[in-house]
């Protein structure tokens, strides 16, 4: 089972995909965990997720950790399949619970009350590709697999 989790190829495609996805998701996680980039930090985000959004505390915690630490793990290619699946699930939840009502498009010009789900759909696709391919070249998963 561990071999399946860590298996990958030395291809550059998954490497580029995971690094870019990790870099794109990191600021979102840093907003939620650390309050960087105009975010509310852990306490504020937990309050919003459990109060306003009505998520159970464990789900709110996993979303914060998944986006923040998961994005860093993606960049390094650590637990890539698991982390990518986690990010796909988080983005699906955000799409269905928050962004669906605002339509497809990102709110580029402030013409709507919220953001659409096109970003989330793209992130889901990238994350699922990594679930199927693994980390690719230059990953800690490859190194871990060599130790098994």
C-alpha atoms as a PDB file:
ATOM      1  CA  UNK A   1       0.000   0.000   0.000  1.00  0.00           C
ATOM      2  CA  UNK A   2       2.813   2.438   0.793  1.00  0.00           C
ATOM      3  CA  UNK A   3       4.345   1.745  -2.598  1.00  0.00           C
ATOM      4  CA  UNK A   4       1.087   2.805  -4.254  1.00  0.00           C
ATOM      5  CA  UNK A   5       0.960   5.996  -2.184  1.00  0.00           C
ATOM      6  CA  UNK A   6       4.521   7.041  -3.058  1.00  0.00           C
ATOM      7  CA  UNK A   7       4.845   5.616  -6.569  1.00  0.00           C
ATOM      8  CA  UNK A   8       5.551   8.078  -9.346  1.00  0.00           C
ATOM      9  CA  UNK A   9       7.653   8.567 -12.437  1.00  0.00           C
ATOM     10  CA  UNK A  10      10.535  10.889 -13.168  1.00  0.00           C
ATOM     11  CA  UNK A  11       8.359  12.941 -15.555  1.00  0.00           C
ATOM     12  CA  UNK A  12       8.568  16.718 -15.511  1.00  0.00           C
ATOM     13  CA  UNK A  13       4.826  17.255 -16.158  1.00  0.00           C
ATOM     14  CA  UNK A  14       3.634  16.220 -12.686  1.00  0.00           C
ATOM     15  CA  UNK A  15       6.601  18.063 -11.157  1.00  0.00           C
ATOM     16  CA  UNK A  16       5.573  21.343 -12.798  1.00  0.00           C
ATOM     17  CA  UNK A  17       1.911  20.768 -11.990  1.00  0.00           C
ATOM     18  CA  UNK A  18       2.479  20.061  -8.290  1.00  0.00           C
ATOM     19  CA  UNK A  19       4.898  22.939  -7.763  1.00  0.00           C
ATOM     20  CA  UNK A  20       2.589  25.449  -9.446  1.00  0.00           C
ATOM     21  CA  UNK A  21      -0.504  24.114  -7.653  1.00  0.00           C
ATOM     22  CA  UNK A  22       1.346  24.231  -4.340  1.00  0.00           C
ATOM     23  CA  UNK A  23       2.496  27.810  -4.940  1.00  0.00           C
ATOM     24  CA  UNK A  24      -1.023  28.908  -5.944  1.00  0.00           C
ATOM     25  CA  UNK A  25      -2.725  27.224  -2.974  1.00  0.00           C
ATOM     26  CA  UNK A  26      -0.127  28.341  -0.391  1.00  0.00           C
ATOM     27  CA  UNK A  27      -1.321  31.970  -0.040  1.00  0.00           C
ATOM     28  CA  UNK A  28      -4.870  30.742   0.568  1.00  0.00           C
ATOM     29  CA  UNK A  29      -3.637  28.443   3.314  1.00  0.00           C
ATOM     30  CA  UNK A  30      -1.364  31.130   4.767  1.00  0.00           C
ATOM     31  CA  UNK A  31      -4.355  33.487   4.975  1.00  0.00           C
ATOM     32  CA  UNK A  32      -6.257  30.904   6.948  1.00  0.00           C
ATOM     33  CA  UNK A  33      -3.465  29.660   9.215  1.00  0.00           C
ATOM     34  CA  UNK A  34      -1.194  32.671   9.683  1.00  0.00           C
ATOM     35  CA  UNK A  35      -3.260  35.698   8.707  1.00  0.00           C
ATOM     36  CA  UNK A  36      -0.870  36.520   5.880  1.00  0.00           C
ATOM     37  CA  UNK A  37      -1.989  38.148   2.616  1.00  0.00           C
ATOM     38  CA  UNK A  38      -4.924  39.887   4.289  1.00  0.00           C
ATOM     39  CA  UNK A  39      -6.326  36.738   5.879  1.00  0.00           C
ATOM     40  CA  UNK A  40      -7.912  36.331   9.301  1.00  0.00           C
ATOM     41  CA  UNK A  41      -5.516  33.756  10.719  1.00  0.00           C
ATOM     42  CA  UNK A  42      -6.359  30.508  12.439  1.00  0.00           C
ATOM     43  CA  UNK A  43      -8.735  31.878  15.064  1.00  0.00           C
ATOM     44  CA  UNK A  44     -10.663  34.106  12.668  1.00  0.00           C
ATOM     45  CA  UNK A  45     -10.929  31.420  10.010  1.00  0.00           C
ATOM     46  CA  UNK A  46     -12.050  28.788  12.518  1.00  0.00           C
ATOM     47  CA  UNK A  47     -14.676  31.233  13.747  1.00  0.00           C
ATOM     48  CA  UNK A  48     -15.957  31.850  10.226  1.00  0.00           C
ATOM     49  CA  UNK A  49     -15.918  28.194   9.211  1.00  0.00           C
ATOM     50  CA  UNK A  50     -17.634  26.910  12.364  1.00  0.00           C
ATOM     51  CA  UNK A  51     -19.955  29.881  12.913  1.00  0.00           C
ATOM     52  CA  UNK A  52     -20.979  31.493   9.636  1.00  0.00           C
ATOM     53  CA  UNK A  53     -20.304  28.531   7.335  1.00  0.00           C
ATOM     54  CA  UNK A  54     -21.540  25.964   9.852  1.00  0.00           C
ATOM     55  CA  UNK A  55     -18.732  23.468   9.328  1.00  0.00           C
ATOM     56  CA  UNK A  56     -17.822  21.039  12.105  1.00  0.00           C
ATOM     57  CA  UNK A  57     -14.631  22.096  13.907  1.00  0.00           C
ATOM     58  CA  UNK A  58     -12.678  19.070  12.677  1.00  0.00           C
ATOM     59  CA  UNK A  59     -13.569  19.843   9.051  1.00  0.00           C
ATOM     60  CA  UNK A  60     -12.617  23.505   9.509  1.00  0.00           C
ATOM     61  CA  UNK A  61      -9.291  22.460  11.062  1.00  0.00           C
ATOM     62  CA  UNK A  62      -8.558  20.004   8.242  1.00  0.00           C
ATOM     63  CA  UNK A  63      -9.303  22.636   5.584  1.00  0.00           C
ATOM     64  CA  UNK A  64      -6.880  25.098   7.216  1.00  0.00           C
ATOM     65  CA  UNK A  65      -4.141  22.485   7.609  1.00  0.00           C
ATOM     66  CA  UNK A  66      -4.816  20.968   4.187  1.00  0.00           C
ATOM     67  CA  UNK A  67      -4.400  24.271   2.369  1.00  0.00           C
ATOM     68  CA  UNK A  68      -1.454  25.554   4.395  1.00  0.00           C
ATOM     69  CA  UNK A  69       0.720  22.520   5.114  1.00  0.00           C
ATOM     70  CA  UNK A  70      -0.645  20.555   2.163  1.00  0.00           C
ATOM     71  CA  UNK A  71       0.478  23.203  -0.293  1.00  0.00           C
ATOM     72  CA  UNK A  72       4.006  23.097   1.124  1.00  0.00           C
ATOM     73  CA  UNK A  73       3.991  19.298   0.946  1.00  0.00           C
ATOM     74  CA  UNK A  74       2.973  19.536  -2.717  1.00  0.00           C
ATOM     75  CA  UNK A  75       5.871  21.829  -3.560  1.00  0.00           C
ATOM     76  CA  UNK A  76       8.289  19.306  -2.082  1.00  0.00           C
ATOM     77  CA  UNK A  77       6.456  16.293  -3.493  1.00  0.00           C
ATOM     78  CA  UNK A  78       5.672  14.808  -0.086  1.00  0.00           C
ATOM     79  CA  UNK A  79       2.613  12.538   0.229  1.00  0.00           C
ATOM     80  CA  UNK A  80       1.574  13.963  -3.138  1.00  0.00           C
ATOM     81  CA  UNK A  81      -1.331  11.657  -3.928  1.00  0.00           C
ATOM     82  CA  UNK A  82      -2.886  12.119  -0.475  1.00  0.00           C
ATOM     83  CA  UNK A  83      -2.244  15.860  -0.385  1.00  0.00           C
ATOM     84  CA  UNK A  84      -3.565  16.397  -3.898  1.00  0.00           C
ATOM     85  CA  UNK A  85      -6.734  14.442  -3.104  1.00  0.00           C
ATOM     86  CA  UNK A  86      -7.173  16.532   0.040  1.00  0.00           C
ATOM     87  CA  UNK A  87      -6.864  19.753  -1.936  1.00  0.00           C
ATOM     88  CA  UNK A  88      -9.329  18.476  -4.541  1.00  0.00           C
ATOM     89  CA  UNK A  89     -11.850  17.706  -1.788  1.00  0.00           C
ATOM     90  CA  UNK A  90     -11.313  21.116  -0.166  1.00  0.00           C
ATOM     91  CA  UNK A  91     -11.823  22.884  -3.500  1.00  0.00           C
ATOM     92  CA  UNK A  92     -14.939  20.816  -4.219  1.00  0.00           C
ATOM     93  CA  UNK A  93     -16.336  21.785  -0.825  1.00  0.00           C
ATOM     94  CA  UNK A  94     -15.560  25.458  -1.439  1.00  0.00           C
ATOM     95  CA  UNK A  95     -17.236  25.245  -4.832  1.00  0.00           C
ATOM     96  CA  UNK A  96     -20.414  23.642  -3.539  1.00  0.00           C
ATOM     97  CA  UNK A  97     -20.743  25.502  -0.237  1.00  0.00           C
ATOM     98  CA  UNK A  98     -19.533  29.014  -1.071  1.00  0.00           C
ATOM     99  CA  UNK A  99     -18.786  29.801  -4.705  1.00  0.00           C
ATOM    100  CA  UNK A 100     -21.476  27.979  -6.694  1.00  0.00           C
ATOM    101  CA  UNK A 101     -24.081  30.658  -6.023  1.00  0.00           C
ATOM    102  CA  UNK A 102     -21.851  33.285  -7.658  1.00  0.00           C
ATOM    103  CA  UNK A 103     -21.611  31.467 -10.972  1.00  0.00           C
ATOM    104  CA  UNK A 104     -18.645  30.270 -12.952  1.00  0.00           C
ATOM    105  CA  UNK A 105     -16.473  33.348 -13.399  1.00  0.00           C
ATOM    106  CA  UNK A 106     -13.959  34.912 -11.045  1.00  0.00           C
ATOM    107  CA  UNK A 107     -15.088  38.391 -10.006  1.00  0.00           C
ATOM    108  CA  UNK A 108     -12.426  40.300 -11.943  1.00  0.00           C
ATOM    109  CA  UNK A 109     -14.166  43.674 -11.910  1.00  0.00           C
ATOM    110  CA  UNK A 110     -16.260  43.567  -8.731  1.00  0.00           C
ATOM    111  CA  UNK A 111     -19.474  43.153 -10.700  1.00  0.00           C
ATOM    112  CA  UNK A 112     -20.869  40.447  -8.399  1.00  0.00           C
ATOM    113  CA  UNK A 113     -21.056  39.868  -4.645  1.00  0.00           C
ATOM    114  CA  UNK A 114     -18.625  36.949  -4.551  1.00  0.00           C
ATOM    115  CA  UNK A 115     -16.200  34.849  -6.527  1.00  0.00           C
ATOM    116  CA  UNK A 116     -17.236  32.178  -9.001  1.00  0.00           C
ATOM    117  CA  UNK A 117     -15.810  28.680  -9.032  1.00  0.00           C
ATOM    118  CA  UNK A 118     -13.597  28.639 -12.136  1.00  0.00           C
ATOM    119  CA  UNK A 119     -10.391  28.778 -10.023  1.00  0.00           C
ATOM    120  CA  UNK A 120     -11.629  25.929  -7.857  1.00  0.00           C
ATOM    121  CA  UNK A 121     -12.516  23.806 -10.862  1.00  0.00           C
ATOM    122  CA  UNK A 122      -9.044  24.294 -12.291  1.00  0.00           C
ATOM    123  CA  UNK A 123      -7.438  23.417  -8.944  1.00  0.00           C
ATOM    124  CA  UNK A 124      -9.588  20.276  -8.708  1.00  0.00           C
ATOM    125  CA  UNK A 125      -8.447  19.183 -12.165  1.00  0.00           C
ATOM    126  CA  UNK A 126      -4.777  19.789 -11.392  1.00  0.00           C
ATOM    127  CA  UNK A 127      -5.041  18.024  -8.043  1.00  0.00           C
ATOM    128  CA  UNK A 128      -6.806  14.993  -9.519  1.00  0.00           C
ATOM    129  CA  UNK A 129      -4.151  14.730 -12.219  1.00  0.00           C
ATOM    130  CA  UNK A 130      -1.574  14.464  -9.428  1.00  0.00           C
ATOM    131  CA  UNK A 131      -3.646  11.820  -7.647  1.00  0.00           C
ATOM    132  CA  UNK A 132      -3.409   9.698 -10.801  1.00  0.00           C
ATOM    133  CA  UNK A 133       0.220  10.435 -11.764  1.00  0.00           C
ATOM    134  CA  UNK A 134       1.996  10.967  -8.478  1.00  0.00           C
ATOM    135  CA  UNK A 135       4.602  13.631  -7.763  1.00  0.00           C
ATOM    136  CA  UNK A 136       6.826  13.289 -10.806  1.00  0.00           C
ATOM    137  CA  UNK A 137      10.479  14.299 -10.860  1.00  0.00           C
ATOM    138  CA  UNK A 138      12.376  15.814  -7.938  1.00  0.00           C
ATOM    139  CA  UNK A 139      10.014  14.675  -5.209  1.00  0.00           C
ATOM    140  CA  UNK A 140      10.409  13.474  -1.664  1.00  0.00           C
ATOM    141  CA  UNK A 141       7.952  10.713  -2.557  1.00  0.00           C
ATOM    142  CA  UNK A 142      10.568   9.249  -4.921  1.00  0.00           C
ATOM    143  CA  UNK A 143      13.169   9.355  -2.165  1.00  0.00           C
ATOM    144  CA  UNK A 144      10.812   7.738   0.353  1.00  0.00           C
ATOM    145  CA  UNK A 145       9.905   5.029  -2.148  1.00  0.00           C
ATOM    146  CA  UNK A 146      13.599   4.222  -2.595  1.00  0.00           C
ATOM    147  CA  UNK A 147      13.833   3.575   1.157  1.00  0.00           C
ATOM    148  CA  UNK A 148      10.919   1.113   1.215  1.00  0.00           C
END
